[in-house]
Amino acid sequence: MTAVSFAEAGEHEAAKEILGICTAQKTTVPRPPKKRPYLSAVIFGTISLTAYLLLFKNEQWVTETYTIGGWYAVFPLGTAFLFSFVHGTFGSSLLSVLGIEAKNK
């Protein structure tokens, strides 16, 4: 409450001092450059491409087997998780290789 009173009175520096906020300029320490995951992008890109080729090459078998029902219902779910993981990891690695990263605050 004391800091609020000082701030309302126009004594901003005193209010910051009371709150323990440092008013000195922040210095930034340069971060070492991140290693780009070239190998990961190539490996998961190859796995992703191979998985899509196998899926489309065996389209007839996949359609027959995945529509049987019962315990075979696990196949489409497993395939979806596999494709999601592999393709997502490839996409993340590719964006990192290209230098596109999330903004850090």
C-alpha atoms as a PDB file:
ATOM      1  CA  MET A   1       0.000   0.000   0.000  1.00  0.00           C
ATOM      2  CA  THR A   2       2.918   2.309   0.666  1.00  0.00           C
ATOM      3  CA  ALA A   3       4.205   1.817  -2.873  1.00  0.00           C
ATOM      4  CA  VAL A   4       0.747   2.664  -4.243  1.00  0.00           C
ATOM      5  CA  SER A   5       0.681   5.867  -2.227  1.00  0.00           C
ATOM      6  CA  PHE A   6       4.088   6.936  -3.527  1.00  0.00           C
ATOM      7  CA  ALA A   7       3.090   6.073  -7.103  1.00  0.00           C
ATOM      8  CA  GLU A   8      -0.109   8.126  -6.836  1.00  0.00           C
ATOM      9  CA  ALA A   9       1.919  11.045  -5.518  1.00  0.00           C
ATOM     10  CA  GLY A  10       4.162  10.906  -8.591  1.00  0.00           C
ATOM     11  CA  GLU A  11       7.138   9.395  -6.780  1.00  0.00           C
ATOM     12  CA  HIS A  12       7.558   6.492  -9.168  1.00  0.00           C
ATOM     13  CA  GLU A  13      11.192   5.780  -8.319  1.00  0.00           C
ATOM     14  CA  ALA A  14      10.400   5.546  -4.600  1.00  0.00           C
ATOM     15  CA  ALA A  15       7.473   3.218  -5.328  1.00  0.00           C
ATOM     16  CA  LYS A  16       9.703   0.978  -7.425  1.00  0.00           C
ATOM     17  CA  GLU A  17      12.309   0.979  -4.673  1.00  0.00           C
ATOM     18  CA  ILE A  18       9.705  -0.092  -2.116  1.00  0.00           C
ATOM     19  CA  LEU A  19       8.525  -2.890  -4.374  1.00  0.00           C
ATOM     20  CA  GLY A  20      12.100  -3.983  -4.960  1.00  0.00           C
ATOM     21  CA  ILE A  21      12.013  -3.391  -8.692  1.00  0.00           C
ATOM     22  CA  CYS A  22      15.430  -2.649 -10.076  1.00  0.00           C
ATOM     23  CA  THR A  23      15.419   0.438 -12.284  1.00  0.00           C
ATOM     24  CA  ALA A  24      18.891  -0.151 -13.679  1.00  0.00           C
ATOM     25  CA  GLN A  25      19.175  -1.078 -17.317  1.00  0.00           C
ATOM     26  CA  LYS A  26      18.962  -4.750 -17.963  1.00  0.00           C
ATOM     27  CA  THR A  27      21.929  -6.260 -19.658  1.00  0.00           C
ATOM     28  CA  THR A  28      21.396  -9.201 -21.913  1.00  0.00           C
ATOM     29  CA  VAL A  29      23.858 -12.014 -22.047  1.00  0.00           C
ATOM     30  CA  PRO A  30      24.213 -13.367 -25.560  1.00  0.00           C
ATOM     31  CA  ARG A  31      23.024 -16.924 -25.839  1.00  0.00           C
ATOM     32  CA  PRO A  32      25.125 -19.493 -27.619  1.00  0.00           C
ATOM     33  CA  PRO A  33      23.647 -20.383 -30.993  1.00  0.00           C
ATOM     34  CA  LYS A  34      21.388 -23.424 -30.980  1.00  0.00           C
ATOM     35  CA  LYS A  35      22.382 -26.459 -32.951  1.00  0.00           C
ATOM     36  CA  ARG A  36      20.025 -27.000 -35.834  1.00  0.00           C
ATOM     37  CA  PRO A  37      18.542 -30.511 -35.980  1.00  0.00           C
ATOM     38  CA  TYR A  38      19.481 -31.396 -39.567  1.00  0.00           C
ATOM     39  CA  LEU A  39      19.751 -35.120 -38.877  1.00  0.00           C
ATOM     40  CA  SER A  40      16.409 -35.246 -37.078  1.00  0.00           C
ATOM     41  CA  ALA A  41      14.705 -33.429 -39.958  1.00  0.00           C
ATOM     42  CA  VAL A  42      16.171 -35.836 -42.514  1.00  0.00           C
ATOM     43  CA  ILE A  43      15.367 -38.973 -40.496  1.00  0.00           C
ATOM     44  CA  PHE A  44      11.787 -38.051 -39.632  1.00  0.00           C
ATOM     45  CA  GLY A  45      11.183 -36.655 -43.117  1.00  0.00           C
ATOM     46  CA  THR A  46      12.279 -39.971 -44.586  1.00  0.00           C
ATOM     47  CA  ILE A  47      10.125 -41.944 -42.141  1.00  0.00           C
ATOM     48  CA  SER A  48       7.139 -39.708 -42.900  1.00  0.00           C
ATOM     49  CA  LEU A  49       7.554 -40.022 -46.664  1.00  0.00           C
ATOM     50  CA  THR A  50       8.014 -43.799 -46.403  1.00  0.00           C
ATOM     51  CA  ALA A  51       4.929 -44.169 -44.202  1.00  0.00           C
ATOM     52  CA  TYR A  52       2.779 -42.212 -46.674  1.00  0.00           C
ATOM     53  CA  LEU A  53       4.127 -44.239 -49.618  1.00  0.00           C
ATOM     54  CA  LEU A  54       3.413 -47.532 -47.824  1.00  0.00           C
ATOM     55  CA  LEU A  55      -0.068 -46.397 -46.867  1.00  0.00           C
ATOM     56  CA  PHE A  56      -1.029 -45.383 -50.391  1.00  0.00           C
ATOM     57  CA  LYS A  57       0.705 -48.356 -52.037  1.00  0.00           C
ATOM     58  CA  ASN A  58      -1.298 -50.764 -49.850  1.00  0.00           C
ATOM     59  CA  GLU A  59      -4.531 -48.790 -50.002  1.00  0.00           C
ATOM     60  CA  GLN A  60      -6.735 -51.804 -50.793  1.00  0.00           C
ATOM     61  CA  TRP A  61      -5.371 -53.892 -47.903  1.00  0.00           C
ATOM     62  CA  VAL A  62      -5.593 -50.940 -45.495  1.00  0.00           C
ATOM     63  CA  THR A  63      -9.223 -50.287 -46.447  1.00  0.00           C
ATOM     64  CA  GLU A  64     -10.213 -53.951 -46.060  1.00  0.00           C
ATOM     65  CA  THR A  65      -8.363 -54.514 -42.790  1.00  0.00           C
ATOM     66  CA  TYR A  66      -9.202 -51.242 -41.082  1.00  0.00           C
ATOM     67  CA  THR A  67     -12.954 -51.572 -41.701  1.00  0.00           C
ATOM     68  CA  ILE A  68     -13.410 -55.069 -40.231  1.00  0.00           C
ATOM     69  CA  GLY A  69     -14.284 -53.737 -36.777  1.00  0.00           C
ATOM     70  CA  GLY A  70     -13.739 -55.313 -33.378  1.00  0.00           C
ATOM     71  CA  TRP A  71     -10.118 -55.326 -32.272  1.00  0.00           C
ATOM     72  CA  TYR A  72      -9.088 -54.121 -35.729  1.00  0.00           C
ATOM     73  CA  ALA A  73     -10.346 -50.681 -34.690  1.00  0.00           C
ATOM     74  CA  VAL A  74      -6.974 -50.268 -32.956  1.00  0.00           C
ATOM     75  CA  PHE A  75      -5.194 -50.155 -36.342  1.00  0.00           C
ATOM     76  CA  PRO A  76      -6.574 -46.793 -37.523  1.00  0.00           C
ATOM     77  CA  LEU A  77      -5.948 -45.260 -34.105  1.00  0.00           C
ATOM     78  CA  GLY A  78      -2.373 -46.532 -34.008  1.00  0.00           C
ATOM     79  CA  THR A  79      -1.783 -45.359 -37.552  1.00  0.00           C
ATOM     80  CA  ALA A  80      -3.151 -41.909 -36.747  1.00  0.00           C
ATOM     81  CA  PHE A  81      -0.898 -41.605 -33.679  1.00  0.00           C
ATOM     82  CA  LEU A  82       2.125 -42.813 -35.649  1.00  0.00           C
ATOM     83  CA  PHE A  83       1.547 -40.365 -38.495  1.00  0.00           C
ATOM     84  CA  SER A  84       0.834 -37.535 -36.073  1.00  0.00           C
ATOM     85  CA  PHE A  85       4.032 -38.115 -34.084  1.00  0.00           C
ATOM     86  CA  VAL A  86       6.327 -38.642 -37.067  1.00  0.00           C
ATOM     87  CA  HIS A  87       4.922 -35.814 -39.171  1.00  0.00           C
ATOM     88  CA  GLY A  88       4.830 -33.434 -36.171  1.00  0.00           C
ATOM     89  CA  THR A  89       8.428 -34.177 -35.233  1.00  0.00           C
ATOM     90  CA  PHE A  90       9.507 -33.703 -38.845  1.00  0.00           C
ATOM     91  CA  GLY A  91       7.663 -30.377 -39.060  1.00  0.00           C
ATOM     92  CA  SER A  92       9.189 -29.119 -35.831  1.00  0.00           C
ATOM     93  CA  SER A  93      12.692 -30.127 -36.896  1.00  0.00           C
ATOM     94  CA  LEU A  94      12.258 -28.579 -40.334  1.00  0.00           C
ATOM     95  CA  LEU A  95      11.122 -25.264 -38.863  1.00  0.00           C
ATOM     96  CA  SER A  96      14.119 -25.281 -36.500  1.00  0.00           C
ATOM     97  CA  VAL A  97      16.474 -25.979 -39.402  1.00  0.00           C
ATOM     98  CA  LEU A  98      14.948 -23.032 -41.267  1.00  0.00           C
ATOM     99  CA  GLY A  99      15.530 -20.847 -38.202  1.00  0.00           C
ATOM    100  CA  ILE A 100      11.855 -20.335 -37.358  1.00  0.00           C
ATOM    101  CA  GLU A 101      11.487 -20.510 -33.583  1.00  0.00           C
ATOM    102  CA  ALA A 102       8.848 -19.511 -31.065  1.00  0.00           C
ATOM    103  CA  LYS A 103       9.232 -16.001 -29.672  1.00  0.00           C
ATOM    104  CA  ASN A 104      10.638 -16.014 -26.133  1.00  0.00           C
ATOM    105  CA  LYS A 105       9.618 -13.272 -23.770  1.00  0.00           C
END
